[in-house]
Amino acid sequence: RVVGAVLLHLDYRAPVLELRARARRIVEESALWDRREWTFQVVDSTPWSMVVRVLASAADGPSSWDLRCEIREALIAYLAAEHPEAFPGQDLDRRVSGDTLGGSGHLSGHPTGQPFGQPTGGAELGLARSDGARPGLPTGPP
């Protein structure tokens, strides 16, 4: 028996309960699933996304690989058709200054108010001293 994992990085707007129900249906309808074990969990989060994991068991390694691909493809197709907002980066166009990385070519939304990609030196975030050195890091040879 082999347990395989499928990871999806999703926007927080993804409907977790609906996605869990869909994953269960996909796994239960698959001839590759050995009927022993499966689970769906939100296993991680970042400031911009969450990570969901589907585990499902199969009889052997090749079957596990195919089952994982089947689950991933079916969940992506479901989300694309029913919940396109679930994919991270859907708001990217609202955060891009200029046209598609045209114009200035920098993303807005940097914590300092500066466009992403612009050097800030880090002082405004407490990452640099007035002499340009970063706190806690050596400034010269020992």
C-alpha atoms as a PDB file:
ATOM      1  CA  ARG A   1       0.000   0.000   0.000  1.00  0.00           C
ATOM      2  CA  VAL A   2       1.232   3.497  -0.911  1.00  0.00           C
ATOM      3  CA  VAL A   3      -0.258   6.767   0.344  1.00  0.00           C
ATOM      4  CA  GLY A   4       0.140   9.667  -2.071  1.00  0.00           C
ATOM      5  CA  ALA A   5      -0.276  13.387  -1.441  1.00  0.00           C
ATOM      6  CA  VAL A   6      -1.717  16.121  -3.640  1.00  0.00           C
ATOM      7  CA  LEU A   7      -0.956  19.713  -2.609  1.00  0.00           C
ATOM      8  CA  LEU A   8      -2.840  22.731  -3.929  1.00  0.00           C
ATOM      9  CA  HIS A   9      -1.937  26.330  -3.139  1.00  0.00           C
ATOM     10  CA  LEU A  10      -5.208  28.251  -3.042  1.00  0.00           C
ATOM     11  CA  ASP A  11      -6.569  31.694  -2.322  1.00  0.00           C
ATOM     12  CA  TYR A  12      -8.410  32.098   0.977  1.00  0.00           C
ATOM     13  CA  ARG A  13     -11.641  32.524  -1.004  1.00  0.00           C
ATOM     14  CA  ALA A  14     -11.526  28.828  -1.981  1.00  0.00           C
ATOM     15  CA  PRO A  15     -14.594  27.057  -0.544  1.00  0.00           C
ATOM     16  CA  VAL A  16     -12.921  24.483   1.715  1.00  0.00           C
ATOM     17  CA  LEU A  17     -16.065  22.526   2.605  1.00  0.00           C
ATOM     18  CA  GLU A  18     -17.137  22.244  -1.049  1.00  0.00           C
ATOM     19  CA  LEU A  19     -13.614  21.319  -2.086  1.00  0.00           C
ATOM     20  CA  ARG A  20     -13.453  18.605   0.596  1.00  0.00           C
ATOM     21  CA  ALA A  21     -16.758  17.137  -0.644  1.00  0.00           C
ATOM     22  CA  ARG A  22     -15.535  17.227  -4.255  1.00  0.00           C
ATOM     23  CA  ALA A  23     -12.216  15.592  -3.298  1.00  0.00           C
ATOM     24  CA  ARG A  24     -14.088  12.825  -1.480  1.00  0.00           C
ATOM     25  CA  ARG A  25     -16.246  12.191  -4.539  1.00  0.00           C
ATOM     26  CA  ILE A  26     -13.204  12.117  -6.838  1.00  0.00           C
ATOM     27  CA  VAL A  27     -11.324   9.678  -4.592  1.00  0.00           C
ATOM     28  CA  GLU A  28     -14.313   7.411  -3.982  1.00  0.00           C
ATOM     29  CA  GLU A  29     -15.127   7.204  -7.700  1.00  0.00           C
ATOM     30  CA  SER A  30     -11.572   6.346  -8.708  1.00  0.00           C
ATOM     31  CA  ALA A  31     -10.768   2.741  -9.598  1.00  0.00           C
ATOM     32  CA  LEU A  32      -7.185   3.465  -8.485  1.00  0.00           C
ATOM     33  CA  TRP A  33      -8.117   4.089  -4.833  1.00  0.00           C
ATOM     34  CA  ASP A  34      -7.705   0.946  -2.705  1.00  0.00           C
ATOM     35  CA  ARG A  35     -10.607   1.940  -0.405  1.00  0.00           C
ATOM     36  CA  ARG A  36      -8.369   2.105   2.673  1.00  0.00           C
ATOM     37  CA  GLU A  37      -7.394   5.681   3.441  1.00  0.00           C
ATOM     38  CA  TRP A  38      -8.023   9.224   2.310  1.00  0.00           C
ATOM     39  CA  THR A  39      -8.099  12.653   3.945  1.00  0.00           C
ATOM     40  CA  PHE A  40      -8.427  16.328   3.040  1.00  0.00           C
ATOM     41  CA  GLN A  41      -6.781  18.995   5.200  1.00  0.00           C
ATOM     42  CA  VAL A  42      -5.661  22.611   5.089  1.00  0.00           C
ATOM     43  CA  VAL A  43      -2.029  22.003   6.032  1.00  0.00           C
ATOM     44  CA  ASP A  44      -0.374  25.408   5.718  1.00  0.00           C
ATOM     45  CA  SER A  45      -1.000  29.088   5.159  1.00  0.00           C
ATOM     46  CA  THR A  46       0.907  32.142   4.011  1.00  0.00           C
ATOM     47  CA  PRO A  47      -0.149  35.780   4.025  1.00  0.00           C
ATOM     48  CA  TRP A  48      -1.487  35.240   0.482  1.00  0.00           C
ATOM     49  CA  SER A  49      -2.664  31.651   0.270  1.00  0.00           C
ATOM     50  CA  MET A  50      -3.501  28.400   2.006  1.00  0.00           C
ATOM     51  CA  VAL A  51      -2.249  24.931   1.153  1.00  0.00           C
ATOM     52  CA  VAL A  52      -4.687  22.043   1.013  1.00  0.00           C
ATOM     53  CA  ARG A  53      -3.558  18.434   0.936  1.00  0.00           C
ATOM     54  CA  VAL A  54      -5.411  15.364  -0.214  1.00  0.00           C
ATOM     55  CA  LEU A  55      -3.971  12.012   0.872  1.00  0.00           C
ATOM     56  CA  ALA A  56      -5.210   8.831  -0.760  1.00  0.00           C
ATOM     57  CA  SER A  57      -3.951   5.266  -0.666  1.00  0.00           C
ATOM     58  CA  ALA A  58      -3.386   2.985  -3.626  1.00  0.00           C
ATOM     59  CA  ALA A  59      -2.186  -0.580  -4.095  1.00  0.00           C
ATOM     60  CA  ASP A  60       1.284   0.300  -5.427  1.00  0.00           C
ATOM     61  CA  GLY A  61       3.571   3.132  -6.504  1.00  0.00           C
ATOM     62  CA  PRO A  62       2.442   3.458 -10.135  1.00  0.00           C
ATOM     63  CA  SER A  63      -1.223   3.394  -9.083  1.00  0.00           C
ATOM     64  CA  SER A  64      -0.523   6.022  -6.430  1.00  0.00           C
ATOM     65  CA  TRP A  65       1.127   8.293  -9.014  1.00  0.00           C
ATOM     66  CA  ASP A  66      -1.816   7.965 -11.391  1.00  0.00           C
ATOM     67  CA  LEU A  67      -4.326   8.493  -8.567  1.00  0.00           C
ATOM     68  CA  ARG A  68      -2.546  11.675  -7.456  1.00  0.00           C
ATOM     69  CA  CYS A  69      -2.575  13.018 -11.025  1.00  0.00           C
ATOM     70  CA  GLU A  70      -6.259  12.130 -11.375  1.00  0.00           C
ATOM     71  CA  ILE A  71      -7.172  13.906  -8.118  1.00  0.00           C
ATOM     72  CA  ARG A  72      -5.089  17.001  -8.945  1.00  0.00           C
ATOM     73  CA  GLU A  73      -6.460  17.321 -12.480  1.00  0.00           C
ATOM     74  CA  ALA A  74     -10.072  16.860 -11.357  1.00  0.00           C
ATOM     75  CA  LEU A  75      -9.781  19.390  -8.520  1.00  0.00           C
ATOM     76  CA  ILE A  76      -8.125  21.973 -10.772  1.00  0.00           C
ATOM     77  CA  ALA A  77     -10.834  21.485 -13.415  1.00  0.00           C
ATOM     78  CA  TYR A  78     -13.554  21.831 -10.767  1.00  0.00           C
ATOM     79  CA  LEU A  79     -12.040  25.008  -9.330  1.00  0.00           C
ATOM     80  CA  ALA A  80     -11.463  26.536 -12.772  1.00  0.00           C
ATOM     81  CA  ALA A  81     -15.097  25.923 -13.736  1.00  0.00           C
ATOM     82  CA  GLU A  82     -16.846  26.675 -10.445  1.00  0.00           C
ATOM     83  CA  HIS A  83     -14.508  28.824  -8.343  1.00  0.00           C
ATOM     84  CA  PRO A  84     -11.845  30.594 -10.426  1.00  0.00           C
ATOM     85  CA  GLU A  85     -11.299  33.028  -7.538  1.00  0.00           C
ATOM     86  CA  ALA A  86      -9.752  30.107  -5.626  1.00  0.00           C
ATOM     87  CA  PHE A  87      -6.505  30.354  -7.564  1.00  0.00           C
ATOM     88  CA  PRO A  88      -3.875  32.631  -5.995  1.00  0.00           C
ATOM     89  CA  GLY A  89      -2.900  35.715  -7.943  1.00  0.00           C
ATOM     90  CA  GLN A  90      -6.340  36.437  -9.375  1.00  0.00           C
ATOM     91  CA  ASP A  91      -6.069  39.970  -7.939  1.00  0.00           C
ATOM     92  CA  LEU A  92      -2.638  40.474  -9.477  1.00  0.00           C
ATOM     93  CA  ASP A  93      -3.974  42.682 -12.265  1.00  0.00           C
ATOM     94  CA  ARG A  94      -5.280  45.113  -9.651  1.00  0.00           C
ATOM     95  CA  ARG A  95      -1.847  45.292  -8.031  1.00  0.00           C
ATOM     96  CA  VAL A  96       0.170  45.806 -11.197  1.00  0.00           C
ATOM     97  CA  SER A  97       1.032  49.392 -12.014  1.00  0.00           C
ATOM     98  CA  GLY A  98       0.792  50.175 -15.695  1.00  0.00           C
ATOM     99  CA  ASP A  99      -0.335  47.525 -18.149  1.00  0.00           C
ATOM    100  CA  THR A 100       0.730  43.878 -17.734  1.00  0.00           C
ATOM    101  CA  LEU A 101       4.080  44.723 -16.166  1.00  0.00           C
ATOM    102  CA  GLY A 102       4.363  47.511 -18.710  1.00  0.00           C
ATOM    103  CA  GLY A 103       4.455  51.094 -17.528  1.00  0.00           C
ATOM    104  CA  SER A 104       6.771  51.071 -14.544  1.00  0.00           C
ATOM    105  CA  GLY A 105       6.732  47.271 -14.531  1.00  0.00           C
ATOM    106  CA  HIS A 106       6.516  47.133 -10.738  1.00  0.00           C
ATOM    107  CA  LEU A 107       3.860  45.702  -8.480  1.00  0.00           C
ATOM    108  CA  SER A 108       2.217  48.047  -6.018  1.00  0.00           C
ATOM    109  CA  GLY A 109       1.474  47.064  -2.442  1.00  0.00           C
ATOM    110  CA  HIS A 110       4.975  47.053  -0.888  1.00  0.00           C
ATOM    111  CA  PRO A 111       4.736  47.624   2.898  1.00  0.00           C
ATOM    112  CA  THR A 112       6.520  50.972   2.526  1.00  0.00           C
ATOM    113  CA  GLY A 113       4.140  52.196  -0.139  1.00  0.00           C
ATOM    114  CA  GLN A 114       6.888  51.902  -2.752  1.00  0.00           C
ATOM    115  CA  PRO A 115       6.311  49.722  -5.797  1.00  0.00           C
ATOM    116  CA  PHE A 116       7.742  46.226  -5.515  1.00  0.00           C
ATOM    117  CA  GLY A 117      11.150  46.045  -7.117  1.00  0.00           C
ATOM    118  CA  GLN A 118      12.204  49.486  -5.898  1.00  0.00           C
ATOM    119  CA  PRO A 119      15.148  49.431  -3.476  1.00  0.00           C
ATOM    120  CA  THR A 120      14.204  50.813  -0.074  1.00  0.00           C
ATOM    121  CA  GLY A 121      17.273  50.021   2.009  1.00  0.00           C
ATOM    122  CA  GLY A 122      15.096  48.448   4.685  1.00  0.00           C
ATOM    123  CA  ALA A 123      15.433  51.297   7.226  1.00  0.00           C
ATOM    124  CA  GLU A 124      11.680  51.960   7.226  1.00  0.00           C
ATOM    125  CA  LEU A 125      11.120  48.335   8.200  1.00  0.00           C
ATOM    126  CA  GLY A 126      13.807  48.316  10.879  1.00  0.00           C
ATOM    127  CA  LEU A 127      16.114  46.244   8.715  1.00  0.00           C
ATOM    128  CA  ALA A 128      18.976  48.711   8.303  1.00  0.00           C
ATOM    129  CA  ARG A 129      20.840  51.245  10.418  1.00  0.00           C
ATOM    130  CA  SER A 130      21.480  54.783   9.286  1.00  0.00           C
ATOM    131  CA  ASP A 131      24.984  53.721   8.185  1.00  0.00           C
ATOM    132  CA  GLY A 132      23.395  51.142   5.841  1.00  0.00           C
ATOM    133  CA  ALA A 133      24.418  48.075   7.893  1.00  0.00           C
ATOM    134  CA  ARG A 134      21.746  45.555   8.831  1.00  0.00           C
ATOM    135  CA  PRO A 135      21.168  44.955  12.557  1.00  0.00           C
ATOM    136  CA  GLY A 136      22.857  41.878  13.950  1.00  0.00           C
ATOM    137  CA  LEU A 137      25.137  41.434  10.946  1.00  0.00           C
ATOM    138  CA  PRO A 138      28.871  42.154  11.038  1.00  0.00           C
ATOM    139  CA  THR A 139      29.881  45.420   9.393  1.00  0.00           C
ATOM    140  CA  GLY A 140      33.412  44.500   8.472  1.00  0.00           C
ATOM    141  CA  PRO A 141      36.217  41.992   8.899  1.00  0.00           C
ATOM    142  CA  PRO A 142      36.459  40.294  12.328  1.00  0.00           C
END
